[in-house]
Amino acid sequence: MDVRIVILQRGWVAVGKFTQDGEQCRLENASIIRRWGTNKGLGQIAADGPTSNTVLDKCPTLRFHALTVIATLDCEASKWADHI
Protein backbone atom coordinates (compact mmCIF):
# COMPACT_ATOMS: atom_id res chain seq x y z
CA MET A 1 0.00 0.00 0.00
CA ASP A 2 1.56 3.26 -1.17
CA VAL A 3 0.30 5.75 1.42
CA ARG A 4 1.40 9.32 0.80
CA ILE A 5 0.79 12.81 2.02
CA VAL A 6 0.37 14.97 -1.09
CA ILE A 7 0.90 18.73 -1.04
CA LEU A 8 -1.07 20.33 -3.87
CA GLN A 9 -1.29 23.83 -5.27
CA ARG A 10 -3.43 26.39 -3.42
CA GLY A 11 -2.54 24.95 -0.02
CA TRP A 12 -4.36 21.62 -0.20
CA VAL A 13 -2.72 18.83 1.80
CA ALA A 14 -4.19 15.34 1.56
CA VAL A 15 -3.35 11.78 2.54
CA GLY A 16 -4.43 8.45 1.09
CA LYS A 17 -3.48 5.48 -1.05
CA PHE A 18 -1.60 7.02 -3.97
CA THR A 19 -1.64 5.80 -7.58
CA GLN A 20 -0.55 7.47 -10.80
CA ASP A 21 -1.41 6.66 -14.42
CA GLY A 22 0.51 8.95 -16.72
CA GLU A 23 -0.27 12.51 -15.65
CA GLN A 24 -3.40 11.55 -13.72
CA CYS A 25 -2.96 10.94 -9.99
CA ARG A 26 -5.41 9.52 -7.47
CA LEU A 27 -5.69 9.24 -3.70
CA GLU A 28 -8.14 6.60 -2.53
CA ASN A 29 -9.52 6.42 1.01
CA ALA A 30 -8.43 10.02 1.11
CA SER A 31 -8.59 12.72 3.75
CA ILE A 32 -7.78 16.39 3.63
CA ILE A 33 -5.39 17.22 6.47
CA ARG A 34 -7.04 20.29 7.96
CA ARG A 35 -4.76 20.48 11.02
CA TRP A 36 -1.39 18.76 11.18
CA GLY A 37 -1.36 18.63 14.98
CA THR A 38 2.42 18.26 15.08
CA ASN A 39 5.38 19.99 16.61
CA LYS A 40 7.79 18.62 13.96
CA GLY A 41 5.86 19.30 10.73
CA LEU A 42 4.37 16.96 8.17
CA GLY A 43 7.29 14.56 8.36
CA GLN A 44 6.22 13.69 11.89
CA ILE A 45 2.80 12.41 10.85
CA ALA A 46 4.20 10.78 7.70
CA ALA A 47 6.48 8.65 9.88
CA ASP A 48 4.36 8.23 13.02
CA GLY A 49 0.78 8.59 11.78
CA PRO A 50 -1.69 11.22 12.92
CA THR A 51 -1.41 12.66 16.42
CA SER A 52 -4.31 13.22 18.80
CA ASN A 53 -4.36 16.83 17.53
CA THR A 54 -4.39 15.98 13.81
CA VAL A 55 -7.70 16.77 12.09
CA LEU A 56 -8.53 14.66 9.02
CA ASP A 57 -11.56 15.42 6.87
CA LYS A 58 -12.58 12.29 4.95
CA CYS A 59 -13.34 12.84 1.29
CA PRO A 60 -14.19 10.74 -1.76
CA THR A 61 -11.44 9.58 -4.09
CA LEU A 62 -9.30 12.60 -4.89
CA ARG A 63 -8.13 12.94 -8.49
CA PHE A 64 -5.62 15.55 -9.65
CA HIS A 65 -3.15 16.28 -12.42
CA ALA A 66 0.51 15.54 -11.73
CA LEU A 67 1.46 19.16 -12.48
CA THR A 68 -0.58 20.33 -9.47
CA VAL A 69 1.64 18.36 -7.06
CA ILE A 70 4.14 20.41 -5.07
CA ALA A 71 5.58 17.46 -3.12
CA THR A 72 4.69 14.05 -1.71
CA LEU A 73 5.81 12.41 1.51
CA ASP A 74 5.96 8.63 1.80
CA CYS A 75 4.05 7.50 4.87
CA GLU A 76 4.56 4.55 7.17
CA ALA A 77 1.50 2.61 5.98
CA SER A 78 1.06 0.64 9.20
CA LYS A 79 0.75 3.91 11.19
CA TRP A 80 -2.06 5.11 8.88
CA ALA A 81 -3.96 1.81 8.54
CA ASP A 82 -6.76 2.86 10.93
CA HIS A 83 -7.18 6.26 9.28
CA ILE A 84 -7.38 5.54 5.55
PDB file of N, CA and C in Angstrom:
ATOM      1  N   MET A   1       0.856  -1.174   0.000  1.00  0.00           N
ATOM      2  CA  MET A   1       0.000   0.000   0.000  1.00  0.00           C
ATOM      3  C   MET A   1       0.899   1.233   0.000  1.00  0.00           C
ATOM      4  N   ASP A   2       0.745   2.062  -1.028  1.00  0.00           N
ATOM      5  CA  ASP A   2       1.562   3.263  -1.168  1.00  0.00           C
ATOM      6  C   ASP A   2       0.810   4.445  -0.567  1.00  0.00           C
ATOM      7  N   VAL A   3       0.975   4.657   0.722  1.00  0.00           N
ATOM      8  CA  VAL A   3       0.301   5.754   1.419  1.00  0.00           C
ATOM      9  C   VAL A   3       1.205   6.971   1.358  1.00  0.00           C
ATOM     10  N   ARG A   4       0.621   8.088   0.921  1.00  0.00           N
ATOM     11  CA  ARG A   4       1.397   9.324   0.796  1.00  0.00           C
ATOM     12  C   ARG A   4       0.592  10.516   1.283  1.00  0.00           C
ATOM     13  N   ILE A   5       1.330  11.479   1.822  1.00  0.00           N
ATOM     14  CA  ILE A   5       0.794  12.814   2.016  1.00  0.00           C
ATOM     15  C   ILE A   5       1.164  13.577   0.756  1.00  0.00           C
ATOM     16  N   VAL A   6       0.165  14.239   0.154  1.00  0.00           N
ATOM     17  CA  VAL A   6       0.369  14.973  -1.085  1.00  0.00           C
ATOM     18  C   VAL A   6       0.091  16.452  -0.823  1.00  0.00           C
ATOM     19  N   ILE A   7       1.054  17.282  -1.147  1.00  0.00           N
ATOM     20  CA  ILE A   7       0.896  18.735  -1.045  1.00  0.00           C
ATOM     21  C   ILE A   7       0.578  19.239  -2.444  1.00  0.00           C
ATOM     22  N   LEU A   8      -0.602  19.854  -2.574  1.00  0.00           N
ATOM     23  CA  LEU A   8      -1.074  20.326  -3.867  1.00  0.00           C
ATOM     24  C   LEU A   8      -1.057  21.850  -3.911  1.00  0.00           C
ATOM     25  N   GLN A   9      -1.198  22.385  -5.105  1.00  0.00           N
ATOM     26  CA  GLN A   9      -1.294  23.830  -5.272  1.00  0.00           C
ATOM     27  C   GLN A   9      -2.472  24.375  -4.470  1.00  0.00           C
ATOM     28  N   ARG A  10      -2.383  25.654  -4.143  1.00  0.00           N
ATOM     29  CA  ARG A  10      -3.428  26.387  -3.423  1.00  0.00           C
ATOM     30  C   ARG A  10      -3.575  25.945  -1.968  1.00  0.00           C
ATOM     31  N   GLY A  11      -2.556  25.260  -1.431  1.00  0.00           N
ATOM     32  CA  GLY A  11      -2.542  24.948  -0.018  1.00  0.00           C
ATOM     33  C   GLY A  11      -3.248  23.673   0.392  1.00  0.00           C
ATOM     34  N   TRP A  12      -3.717  22.883  -0.551  1.00  0.00           N
ATOM     35  CA  TRP A  12      -4.364  21.621  -0.196  1.00  0.00           C
ATOM     36  C   TRP A  12      -3.319  20.592   0.216  1.00  0.00           C
ATOM     37  N   VAL A  13      -3.585  19.907   1.328  1.00  0.00           N
ATOM     38  CA  VAL A  13      -2.721  18.828   1.804  1.00  0.00           C
ATOM     39  C   VAL A  13      -3.624  17.644   2.083  1.00  0.00           C
ATOM     40  N   ALA A  14      -3.328  16.512   1.446  1.00  0.00           N
ATOM     41  CA  ALA A  14      -4.192  15.342   1.558  1.00  0.00           C
ATOM     42  C   ALA A  14      -3.350  14.103   1.815  1.00  0.00           C
ATOM     43  N   VAL A  15      -4.018  13.050   2.287  1.00  0.00           N
ATOM     44  CA  VAL A  15      -3.354  11.776   2.545  1.00  0.00           C
ATOM     45  C   VAL A  15      -4.262  10.661   2.045  1.00  0.00           C
ATOM     46  N   GLY A  16      -3.662   9.595   1.548  1.00  0.00           N
ATOM     47  CA  GLY A  16      -4.429   8.446   1.086  1.00  0.00           C
ATOM     48  C   GLY A  16      -3.542   7.462   0.363  1.00  0.00           C
ATOM     49  N   LYS A  17      -4.187   6.483  -0.259  1.00  0.00           N
ATOM     50  CA  LYS A  17      -3.479   5.482  -1.047  1.00  0.00           C
ATOM     51  C   LYS A  17      -3.247   6.058  -2.437  1.00  0.00           C
ATOM     52  N   PHE A  18      -1.994   6.293  -2.762  1.00  0.00           N
ATOM     53  CA  PHE A  18      -1.603   7.022  -3.974  1.00  0.00           C
ATOM     54  C   PHE A  18      -1.388   6.078  -5.146  1.00  0.00           C
ATOM     55  N   THR A  19      -1.947   6.465  -6.308  1.00  0.00           N
ATOM     56  CA  THR A  19      -1.638   5.798  -7.578  1.00  0.00           C
ATOM     57  C   THR A  19      -1.489   6.874  -8.642  1.00  0.00           C
ATOM     58  N   GLN A  20      -0.738   6.538  -9.694  1.00  0.00           N
ATOM     59  CA  GLN A  20      -0.548   7.467 -10.804  1.00  0.00           C
ATOM     60  C   GLN A  20      -0.587   6.692 -12.100  1.00  0.00           C
ATOM     61  N   ASP A  21      -1.326   7.227 -13.077  1.00  0.00           N
ATOM     62  CA  ASP A  21      -1.411   6.659 -14.417  1.00  0.00           C
ATOM     63  C   ASP A  21      -1.118   7.788 -15.390  1.00  0.00           C
ATOM     64  N   GLY A  22       0.106   7.837 -15.871  1.00  0.00           N
ATOM     65  CA  GLY A  22       0.515   8.946 -16.722  1.00  0.00           C
ATOM     66  C   GLY A  22       0.522  10.229 -15.909  1.00  0.00           C
ATOM     67  N   GLU A  23      -0.229  11.229 -16.363  1.00  0.00           N
ATOM     68  CA  GLU A  23      -0.273  12.507 -15.654  1.00  0.00           C
ATOM     69  C   GLU A  23      -1.425  12.586 -14.665  1.00  0.00           C
ATOM     70  N   GLN A  24      -2.248  11.558 -14.630  1.00  0.00           N
ATOM     71  CA  GLN A  24      -3.395  11.547 -13.717  1.00  0.00           C
ATOM     72  C   GLN A  24      -3.029  10.821 -12.420  1.00  0.00           C
ATOM     73  N   CYS A  25      -3.267  11.493 -11.305  1.00  0.00           N
ATOM     74  CA  CYS A  25      -2.962  10.936  -9.987  1.00  0.00           C
ATOM     75  C   CYS A  25      -4.270  10.720  -9.232  1.00  0.00           C
ATOM     76  N   ARG A  26      -4.221   9.826  -8.256  1.00  0.00           N
ATOM     77  CA  ARG A  26      -5.410   9.524  -7.473  1.00  0.00           C
ATOM     78  C   ARG A  26      -5.016   9.166  -6.046  1.00  0.00           C
ATOM     79  N   LEU A  27      -5.803   9.658  -5.098  1.00  0.00           N
ATOM     80  CA  LEU A  27      -5.692   9.245  -3.695  1.00  0.00           C
ATOM     81  C   LEU A  27      -7.010   8.582  -3.325  1.00  0.00           C
ATOM     82  N   GLU A  28      -6.954   7.314  -2.976  1.00  0.00           N
ATOM     83  CA  GLU A  28      -8.142   6.595  -2.532  1.00  0.00           C
ATOM     84  C   GLU A  28      -8.145   6.533  -1.014  1.00  0.00           C
ATOM     85  N   ASN A  29      -9.354   6.379  -0.447  1.00  0.00           N
ATOM     86  CA  ASN A  29      -9.521   6.417   1.012  1.00  0.00           C
ATOM     87  C   ASN A  29      -8.884   7.688   1.556  1.00  0.00           C
ATOM     88  N   ALA A  30      -9.135   8.774   0.863  1.00  0.00           N
ATOM     89  CA  ALA A  30      -8.431  10.024   1.105  1.00  0.00           C
ATOM     90  C   ALA A  30      -9.033  10.847   2.237  1.00  0.00           C
ATOM     91  N   SER A  31      -8.188  11.690   2.791  1.00  0.00           N
ATOM     92  CA  SER A  31      -8.594  12.715   3.752  1.00  0.00           C
ATOM     93  C   SER A  31      -7.814  13.980   3.452  1.00  0.00           C
ATOM     94  N   ILE A  32      -8.473  15.112   3.633  1.00  0.00           N
ATOM     95  CA  ILE A  32      -7.785  16.394   3.625  1.00  0.00           C
ATOM     96  C   ILE A  32      -7.241  16.594   5.037  1.00  0.00           C
ATOM     97  N   ILE A  33      -5.977  16.972   5.150  1.00  0.00           N
ATOM     98  CA  ILE A  33      -5.385  17.223   6.466  1.00  0.00           C
ATOM     99  C   ILE A  33      -5.646  18.689   6.794  1.00  0.00           C
ATOM    100  N   ARG A  34      -6.676  18.915   7.609  1.00  0.00           N
ATOM    101  CA  ARG A  34      -7.044  20.288   7.965  1.00  0.00           C
ATOM    102  C   ARG A  34      -6.103  20.858   9.015  1.00  0.00           C
ATOM    103  N   ARG A  35      -5.706  20.035   9.979  1.00  0.00           N
ATOM    104  CA  ARG A  35      -4.762  20.478  11.017  1.00  0.00           C
ATOM    105  C   ARG A  35      -3.723  19.376  11.187  1.00  0.00           C
ATOM    106  N   TRP A  36      -2.453  19.749  11.057  1.00  0.00           N
ATOM    107  CA  TRP A  36      -1.387  18.763  11.182  1.00  0.00           C
ATOM    108  C   TRP A  36      -1.308  18.211  12.600  1.00  0.00           C
ATOM    109  N   GLY A  37      -1.428  19.070  13.585  1.00  0.00           N
ATOM    110  CA  GLY A  37      -1.361  18.627  14.976  1.00  0.00           C
ATOM    111  C   GLY A  37       0.011  18.134  15.391  1.00  0.00           C
ATOM    112  N   THR A  38       1.047  18.720  14.803  1.00  0.00           N
ATOM    113  CA  THR A  38       2.417  18.258  15.081  1.00  0.00           C
ATOM    114  C   THR A  38       3.246  19.379  15.689  1.00  0.00           C
ATOM    115  N   ASN A  39       4.388  18.998  16.213  1.00  0.00           N
ATOM    116  CA  ASN A  39       5.382  19.994  16.610  1.00  0.00           C
ATOM    117  C   ASN A  39       6.663  19.817  15.790  1.00  0.00           C
ATOM    118  N   LYS A  40       6.630  18.868  14.819  1.00  0.00           N
ATOM    119  CA  LYS A  40       7.788  18.623  13.959  1.00  0.00           C
ATOM    120  C   LYS A  40       7.405  18.598  12.485  1.00  0.00           C
ATOM    121  N   GLY A  41       6.265  19.194  12.125  1.00  0.00           N
ATOM    122  CA  GLY A  41       5.864  19.298  10.733  1.00  0.00           C
ATOM    123  C   GLY A  41       5.233  18.044  10.157  1.00  0.00           C
ATOM    124  N   LEU A  42       5.031  18.077   8.846  1.00  0.00           N
ATOM    125  CA  LEU A  42       4.369  16.962   8.167  1.00  0.00           C
ATOM    126  C   LEU A  42       5.161  15.666   8.225  1.00  0.00           C
ATOM    127  N   GLY A  43       6.469  15.774   8.266  1.00  0.00           N
ATOM    128  CA  GLY A  43       7.286  14.564   8.361  1.00  0.00           C
ATOM    129  C   GLY A  43       6.962  13.738   9.588  1.00  0.00           C
ATOM    130  N   GLN A  44       6.569  14.394  10.661  1.00  0.00           N
ATOM    131  CA  GLN A  44       6.217  13.688  11.893  1.00  0.00           C
ATOM    132  C   GLN A  44       5.027  12.765  11.676  1.00  0.00           C
ATOM    133  N   ILE A  45       3.959  13.287  11.040  1.00  0.00           N
ATOM    134  CA  ILE A  45       2.798  12.407  10.853  1.00  0.00           C
ATOM    135  C   ILE A  45       3.000  11.429   9.689  1.00  0.00           C
ATOM    136  N   ALA A  46       3.880  11.748   8.751  1.00  0.00           N
ATOM    137  CA  ALA A  46       4.199  10.784   7.703  1.00  0.00           C
ATOM    138  C   ALA A  46       4.841   9.544   8.321  1.00  0.00           C
ATOM    139  N   ALA A  47       5.753   9.751   9.253  1.00  0.00           N
ATOM    140  CA  ALA A  47       6.480   8.649   9.881  1.00  0.00           C
ATOM    141  C   ALA A  47       5.701   7.968  10.997  1.00  0.00           C
ATOM    142  N   ASP A  48       4.977   8.771  11.800  1.00  0.00           N
ATOM    143  CA  ASP A  48       4.363   8.235  13.022  1.00  0.00           C
ATOM    144  C   ASP A  48       2.854   8.129  12.970  1.00  0.00           C
ATOM    145  N   GLY A  49       2.235   8.574  11.876  1.00  0.00           N
ATOM    146  CA  GLY A  49       0.781   8.591  11.783  1.00  0.00           C
ATOM    147  C   GLY A  49       0.222   9.825  12.462  1.00  0.00           C
ATOM    148  N   PRO A  50      -1.085  10.019  12.349  1.00  0.00           N
ATOM    149  CA  PRO A  50      -1.690  11.222  12.917  1.00  0.00           C
ATOM    150  C   PRO A  50      -1.570  11.262  14.438  1.00  0.00           C
ATOM    151  N   THR A  51      -1.455  12.465  14.966  1.00  0.00           N
ATOM    152  CA  THR A  51      -1.415  12.656  16.416  1.00  0.00           C
ATOM    153  C   THR A  51      -2.837  12.849  16.926  1.00  0.00           C
ATOM    154  N   SER A  52      -2.982  12.974  18.222  1.00  0.00           N
ATOM    155  CA  SER A  52      -4.311  13.220  18.797  1.00  0.00           C
ATOM    156  C   SER A  52      -4.835  14.597  18.395  1.00  0.00           C
ATOM    157  N   ASN A  53      -3.961  15.488  17.951  1.00  0.00           N
ATOM    158  CA  ASN A  53      -4.362  16.832  17.534  1.00  0.00           C
ATOM    159  C   ASN A  53      -4.514  16.988  16.023  1.00  0.00           C
ATOM    160  N   THR A  54      -4.223  15.932  15.259  1.00  0.00           N
ATOM    161  CA  THR A  54      -4.391  15.976  13.809  1.00  0.00           C
ATOM    162  C   THR A  54      -5.875  15.926  13.481  1.00  0.00           C
ATOM    163  N   VAL A  55      -6.303  16.777  12.535  1.00  0.00           N
ATOM    164  CA  VAL A  55      -7.697  16.772  12.089  1.00  0.00           C
ATOM    165  C   VAL A  55      -7.720  16.334  10.626  1.00  0.00           C
ATOM    166  N   LEU A  56      -8.392  15.213  10.370  1.00  0.00           N
ATOM    167  CA  LEU A  56      -8.528  14.665   9.023  1.00  0.00           C
ATOM    168  C   LEU A  56      -9.987  14.771   8.602  1.00  0.00           C
ATOM    169  N   ASP A  57     -10.221  15.329   7.427  1.00  0.00           N
ATOM    170  CA  ASP A  57     -11.563  15.422   6.867  1.00  0.00           C
ATOM    171  C   ASP A  57     -11.671  14.408   5.735  1.00  0.00           C
ATOM    172  N   LYS A  58     -12.413  13.324   5.975  1.00  0.00           N
ATOM    173  CA  LYS A  58     -12.583  12.286   4.952  1.00  0.00           C
ATOM    174  C   LYS A  58     -13.182  12.892   3.696  1.00  0.00           C
ATOM    175  N   CYS A  59     -12.771  12.376   2.553  1.00  0.00           N
ATOM    176  CA  CYS A  59     -13.337  12.842   1.287  1.00  0.00           C
ATOM    177  C   CYS A  59     -13.379  11.658   0.326  1.00  0.00           C
ATOM    178  N   PRO A  60     -14.179  11.795  -0.739  1.00  0.00           N
ATOM    179  CA  PRO A  60     -14.186  10.743  -1.764  1.00  0.00           C
ATOM    180  C   PRO A  60     -12.820  10.659  -2.439  1.00  0.00           C
ATOM    181  N   THR A  61     -12.684   9.704  -3.331  1.00  0.00           N
ATOM    182  CA  THR A  61     -11.438   9.581  -4.091  1.00  0.00           C
ATOM    183  C   THR A  61     -11.056  10.933  -4.675  1.00  0.00           C
ATOM    184  N   LEU A  62      -9.821  11.310  -4.456  1.00  0.00           N
ATOM    185  CA  LEU A  62      -9.304  12.605  -4.890  1.00  0.00           C
ATOM    186  C   LEU A  62      -8.468  12.379  -6.145  1.00  0.00           C
ATOM    187  N   ARG A  63      -8.843  13.055  -7.220  1.00  0.00           N
ATOM    188  CA  ARG A  63      -8.125  12.944  -8.492  1.00  0.00           C
ATOM    189  C   ARG A  63      -7.521  14.306  -8.829  1.00  0.00           C
ATOM    190  N   PHE A  64      -6.295  14.293  -9.345  1.00  0.00           N
ATOM    191  CA  PHE A  64      -5.617  15.548  -9.649  1.00  0.00           C
ATOM    192  C   PHE A  64      -4.533  15.301 -10.689  1.00  0.00           C
ATOM    193  N   HIS A  65      -4.172  16.350 -11.386  1.00  0.00           N
ATOM    194  CA  HIS A  65      -3.145  16.282 -12.421  1.00  0.00           C
ATOM    195  C   HIS A  65      -1.768  16.334 -11.756  1.00  0.00           C
ATOM    196  N   ALA A  66      -0.840  15.609 -12.300  1.00  0.00           N
ATOM    197  CA  ALA A  66       0.512  15.540 -11.729  1.00  0.00           C
ATOM    198  C   ALA A  66       1.174  16.913 -11.623  1.00  0.00           C
ATOM    199  N   LEU A  67       0.843  17.841 -12.521  1.00  0.00           N
ATOM    200  CA  LEU A  67       1.462  19.164 -12.478  1.00  0.00           C
ATOM    201  C   LEU A  67       0.964  20.018 -11.318  1.00  0.00           C
ATOM    202  N   THR A  68      -0.082  19.579 -10.627  1.00  0.00           N
ATOM    203  CA  THR A  68      -0.576  20.331  -9.466  1.00  0.00           C
ATOM    204  C   THR A  68       0.111  19.901  -8.172  1.00  0.00           C
ATOM    205  N   VAL A  69       0.959  18.880  -8.245  1.00  0.00           N
ATOM    206  CA  VAL A  69       1.642  18.363  -7.060  1.00  0.00           C
ATOM    207  C   VAL A  69       2.879  19.206  -6.769  1.00  0.00           C
ATOM    208  N   ILE A  70       2.952  19.693  -5.521  1.00  0.00           N
ATOM    209  CA  ILE A  70       4.144  20.412  -5.067  1.00  0.00           C
ATOM    210  C   ILE A  70       5.167  19.414  -4.537  1.00  0.00           C
ATOM    211  N   ALA A  71       4.692  18.472  -3.706  1.00  0.00           N
ATOM    212  CA  ALA A  71       5.575  17.457  -3.115  1.00  0.00           C
ATOM    213  C   ALA A  71       4.724  16.323  -2.578  1.00  0.00           C
ATOM    214  N   THR A  72       5.345  15.163  -2.397  1.00  0.00           N
ATOM    215  CA  THR A  72       4.694  14.048  -1.710  1.00  0.00           C
ATOM    216  C   THR A  72       5.634  13.527  -0.633  1.00  0.00           C
ATOM    217  N   LEU A  73       5.040  13.021   0.428  1.00  0.00           N
ATOM    218  CA  LEU A  73       5.813  12.405   1.506  1.00  0.00           C
ATOM    219  C   LEU A  73       5.359  10.958   1.640  1.00  0.00           C
ATOM    220  N   ASP A  74       6.288  10.033   1.572  1.00  0.00           N
ATOM    221  CA  ASP A  74       5.958   8.633   1.796  1.00  0.00           C
ATOM    222  C   ASP A  74       5.591   8.449   3.260  1.00  0.00           C
ATOM    223  N   CYS A  75       4.509   7.724   3.502  1.00  0.00           N
ATOM    224  CA  CYS A  75       4.046   7.496   4.871  1.00  0.00           C
ATOM    225  C   CYS A  75       4.325   6.068   5.301  1.00  0.00           C
ATOM    226  N   GLU A  76       4.477   5.881   6.579  1.00  0.00           N
ATOM    227  CA  GLU A  76       4.565   4.551   7.169  1.00  0.00           C
ATOM    228  C   GLU A  76       3.145   3.986   7.159  1.00  0.00           C
ATOM    229  N   ALA A  77       2.873   3.089   6.213  1.00  0.00           N
ATOM    230  CA  ALA A  77       1.499   2.609   5.977  1.00  0.00           C
ATOM    231  C   ALA A  77       0.865   2.019   7.230  1.00  0.00           C
ATOM    232  N   SER A  78       1.626   1.288   8.022  1.00  0.00           N
ATOM    233  CA  SER A  78       1.056   0.643   9.202  1.00  0.00           C
ATOM    234  C   SER A  78       0.550   1.682  10.223  1.00  0.00           C
ATOM    235  N   LYS A  79       1.158   2.846  10.251  1.00  0.00           N
ATOM    236  CA  LYS A  79       0.752   3.907  11.191  1.00  0.00           C
ATOM    237  C   LYS A  79      -0.526   4.610  10.731  1.00  0.00           C
ATOM    238  N   TRP A  80      -0.879   4.465   9.458  1.00  0.00           N
ATOM    239  CA  TRP A  80      -2.058   5.114   8.882  1.00  0.00           C
ATOM    240  C   TRP A  80      -3.209   4.126   8.635  1.00  0.00           C
ATOM    241  N   ALA A  81      -2.987   2.848   8.896  1.00  0.00           N
ATOM    242  CA  ALA A  81      -3.961   1.807   8.538  1.00  0.00           C
ATOM    243  C   ALA A  81      -5.358   2.069   9.115  1.00  0.00           C
ATOM    244  N   ASP A  82      -5.457   2.603  10.306  1.00  0.00           N
ATOM    245  CA  ASP A  82      -6.755   2.857  10.931  1.00  0.00           C
ATOM    246  C   ASP A  82      -7.399   4.158  10.475  1.00  0.00           C
ATOM    247  N   HIS A  83      -6.698   4.923   9.642  1.00  0.00           N
ATOM    248  CA  HIS A  83      -7.178   6.256   9.276  1.00  0.00           C
ATOM    249  C   HIS A  83      -7.505   6.414   7.794  1.00  0.00           C
ATOM    250  N   ILE A  84      -7.057   5.461   6.975  1.00  0.00           N
ATOM    251  CA  ILE A  84      -7.379   5.545   5.548  1.00  0.00           C
ATOM    252  C   ILE A  84      -7.996   4.241   5.072  1.00  0.00           C
TER     253      ILE A  84
END
